[in-house]
Amino acid sequence: MNAIVKPAQDVRVEDKLFQNRYLVDAGRPHIKVAPHETPSAALLALTRICPAKCYEQNERGQVEITPDGCMECGTCRVLCEAKGEIEWNYPRGGFGVLFKFG
């Protein structure tokens, strides 16, 4: 007997991310980008690969972060922390991302 297979619905990452909640710790970001004149290739890569789109280039071409909405996935840590291009700390208790499953 042949089963009828329905095509998978289009699922957008943005729709899934919207289900998560983030409690901002005002004035105490858990990630900071080190001052730089020209961003490294790794910092520029963060503007494309951060799943929460927290990194972007400003009008001077420098990479900045808006940590609100950060998923704390560690992508930026893998690319940039060892070289000192970012400073990453866990958010204080009660702040940061709250994942909603389902």
C-alpha atoms as a PDB file:
ATOM      1  CA  MET A   1       0.000   0.000   0.000  1.00  0.00           C
ATOM      2  CA  ASN A   2       1.439   3.373  -1.009  1.00  0.00           C
ATOM      3  CA  ALA A   3       1.341   6.178   1.523  1.00  0.00           C
ATOM      4  CA  ILE A   4       0.580   9.671   0.385  1.00  0.00           C
ATOM      5  CA  VAL A   5       3.411  11.991   1.318  1.00  0.00           C
ATOM      6  CA  LYS A   6       2.510  15.626   1.743  1.00  0.00           C
ATOM      7  CA  PRO A   7       5.182  18.206   0.931  1.00  0.00           C
ATOM      8  CA  ALA A   8       6.730  19.855   3.958  1.00  0.00           C
ATOM      9  CA  GLN A   9       5.455  23.309   4.712  1.00  0.00           C
ATOM     10  CA  ASP A  10       7.893  26.141   4.231  1.00  0.00           C
ATOM     11  CA  VAL A  11       9.326  26.905   7.648  1.00  0.00           C
ATOM     12  CA  ARG A  12      11.201  30.158   8.013  1.00  0.00           C
ATOM     13  CA  VAL A  13      13.911  30.509  10.633  1.00  0.00           C
ATOM     14  CA  GLU A  14      12.527  33.938  11.542  1.00  0.00           C
ATOM     15  CA  ASP A  15       9.161  32.385  12.427  1.00  0.00           C
ATOM     16  CA  LYS A  16      10.826  29.896  14.768  1.00  0.00           C
ATOM     17  CA  LEU A  17      13.045  32.553  16.353  1.00  0.00           C
ATOM     18  CA  PHE A  18       9.979  34.674  17.061  1.00  0.00           C
ATOM     19  CA  GLN A  19       8.768  31.995  19.489  1.00  0.00           C
ATOM     20  CA  ASN A  20      11.822  32.500  21.714  1.00  0.00           C
ATOM     21  CA  ARG A  21      11.801  35.238  24.328  1.00  0.00           C
ATOM     22  CA  TYR A  22      14.688  37.422  25.396  1.00  0.00           C
ATOM     23  CA  LEU A  23      14.951  39.404  28.609  1.00  0.00           C
ATOM     24  CA  VAL A  24      17.298  42.350  28.061  1.00  0.00           C
ATOM     25  CA  ASP A  25      19.734  43.212  30.845  1.00  0.00           C
ATOM     26  CA  ALA A  26      19.755  46.963  30.146  1.00  0.00           C
ATOM     27  CA  GLY A  27      23.223  48.493  30.221  1.00  0.00           C
ATOM     28  CA  ARG A  28      24.973  45.121  30.727  1.00  0.00           C
ATOM     29  CA  PRO A  29      25.442  43.435  27.336  1.00  0.00           C
ATOM     30  CA  HIS A  30      26.885  39.931  27.555  1.00  0.00           C
ATOM     31  CA  ILE A  31      28.799  40.376  24.277  1.00  0.00           C
ATOM     32  CA  LYS A  32      31.047  43.265  23.305  1.00  0.00           C
ATOM     33  CA  VAL A  33      32.983  43.770  20.075  1.00  0.00           C
ATOM     34  CA  ALA A  34      36.551  44.974  20.597  1.00  0.00           C
ATOM     35  CA  PRO A  35      37.314  48.397  19.111  1.00  0.00           C
ATOM     36  CA  HIS A  36      38.691  48.122  15.589  1.00  0.00           C
ATOM     37  CA  GLU A  37      39.353  50.362  12.594  1.00  0.00           C
ATOM     38  CA  THR A  38      38.843  47.687   9.961  1.00  0.00           C
ATOM     39  CA  PRO A  39      36.918  44.502  10.757  1.00  0.00           C
ATOM     40  CA  SER A  40      38.606  41.143  10.301  1.00  0.00           C
ATOM     41  CA  ALA A  41      37.192  38.536   7.947  1.00  0.00           C
ATOM     42  CA  ALA A  42      35.811  36.678  10.974  1.00  0.00           C
ATOM     43  CA  LEU A  43      33.944  39.752  12.264  1.00  0.00           C
ATOM     44  CA  LEU A  44      32.526  40.381   8.804  1.00  0.00           C
ATOM     45  CA  ALA A  45      31.419  36.742   8.659  1.00  0.00           C
ATOM     46  CA  LEU A  46      29.356  37.282  11.812  1.00  0.00           C
ATOM     47  CA  THR A  47      27.197  39.794   9.943  1.00  0.00           C
ATOM     48  CA  ARG A  48      26.138  36.908   7.692  1.00  0.00           C
ATOM     49  CA  ILE A  49      26.162  33.796   9.875  1.00  0.00           C
ATOM     50  CA  CYS A  50      24.775  34.903  13.251  1.00  0.00           C
ATOM     51  CA  PRO A  51      21.380  33.147  13.294  1.00  0.00           C
ATOM     52  CA  ALA A  52      19.799  35.971  15.303  1.00  0.00           C
ATOM     53  CA  LYS A  53      21.301  38.679  13.039  1.00  0.00           C
ATOM     54  CA  CYS A  54      22.841  40.478  16.035  1.00  0.00           C
ATOM     55  CA  TYR A  55      25.909  41.724  14.141  1.00  0.00           C
ATOM     56  CA  GLU A  56      25.913  44.446  11.480  1.00  0.00           C
ATOM     57  CA  GLN A  57      28.263  46.964   9.940  1.00  0.00           C
ATOM     58  CA  ASN A  58      27.806  50.617  10.825  1.00  0.00           C
ATOM     59  CA  GLU A  59      28.259  53.563   8.449  1.00  0.00           C
ATOM     60  CA  ARG A  60      32.027  53.587   9.143  1.00  0.00           C
ATOM     61  CA  GLY A  61      32.351  49.918   8.147  1.00  0.00           C
ATOM     62  CA  GLN A  62      32.927  48.678  11.696  1.00  0.00           C
ATOM     63  CA  VAL A  63      31.073  45.650  13.033  1.00  0.00           C
ATOM     64  CA  GLU A  64      28.694  46.331  15.922  1.00  0.00           C
ATOM     65  CA  ILE A  65      26.492  44.066  17.984  1.00  0.00           C
ATOM     66  CA  THR A  66      23.001  44.441  19.351  1.00  0.00           C
ATOM     67  CA  PRO A  67      22.857  41.525  21.801  1.00  0.00           C
ATOM     68  CA  ASP A  68      19.079  41.776  22.282  1.00  0.00           C
ATOM     69  CA  GLY A  69      17.713  38.552  20.836  1.00  0.00           C
ATOM     70  CA  CYS A  70      21.026  36.668  20.962  1.00  0.00           C
ATOM     71  CA  MET A  71      20.402  32.922  21.000  1.00  0.00           C
ATOM     72  CA  GLU A  72      23.655  32.281  22.902  1.00  0.00           C
ATOM     73  CA  CYS A  73      24.534  29.645  20.295  1.00  0.00           C
ATOM     74  CA  GLY A  74      28.283  30.310  20.503  1.00  0.00           C
ATOM     75  CA  THR A  75      28.938  30.927  16.802  1.00  0.00           C
ATOM     76  CA  CYS A  76      30.619  34.244  17.538  1.00  0.00           C
ATOM     77  CA  ARG A  77      32.698  32.667  20.300  1.00  0.00           C
ATOM     78  CA  VAL A  78      34.037  30.010  17.944  1.00  0.00           C
ATOM     79  CA  LEU A  79      34.973  32.560  15.283  1.00  0.00           C
ATOM     80  CA  CYS A  80      36.237  35.519  17.270  1.00  0.00           C
ATOM     81  CA  GLU A  81      36.707  35.055  21.018  1.00  0.00           C
ATOM     82  CA  ALA A  82      40.112  33.346  20.943  1.00  0.00           C
ATOM     83  CA  LYS A  83      41.565  36.222  18.893  1.00  0.00           C
ATOM     84  CA  GLY A  84      40.145  38.800  21.315  1.00  0.00           C
ATOM     85  CA  GLU A  85      37.788  40.329  18.762  1.00  0.00           C
ATOM     86  CA  ILE A  86      34.798  39.877  21.042  1.00  0.00           C
ATOM     87  CA  GLU A  87      34.270  39.564  24.770  1.00  0.00           C
ATOM     88  CA  TRP A  88      31.556  37.021  25.615  1.00  0.00           C
ATOM     89  CA  ASN A  89      30.106  36.317  29.063  1.00  0.00           C
ATOM     90  CA  TYR A  90      27.031  34.428  30.113  1.00  0.00           C
ATOM     91  CA  PRO A  91      24.087  36.737  30.843  1.00  0.00           C
ATOM     92  CA  ARG A  92      23.246  37.255  34.508  1.00  0.00           C
ATOM     93  CA  GLY A  93      20.725  34.854  35.984  1.00  0.00           C
ATOM     94  CA  GLY A  94      17.194  35.545  34.781  1.00  0.00           C
ATOM     95  CA  PHE A  95      18.351  37.429  31.682  1.00  0.00           C
ATOM     96  CA  GLY A  96      19.054  36.335  28.126  1.00  0.00           C
ATOM     97  CA  VAL A  97      17.255  33.903  25.893  1.00  0.00           C
ATOM     98  CA  LEU A  98      14.320  31.746  26.939  1.00  0.00           C
ATOM     99  CA  PHE A  99      13.743  29.014  24.391  1.00  0.00           C
ATOM    100  CA  LYS A 100      10.205  27.899  23.652  1.00  0.00           C
ATOM    101  CA  PHE A 101      10.014  24.341  22.389  1.00  0.00           C
ATOM    102  CA  GLY A 102       7.186  23.021  20.297  1.00  0.00           C
END
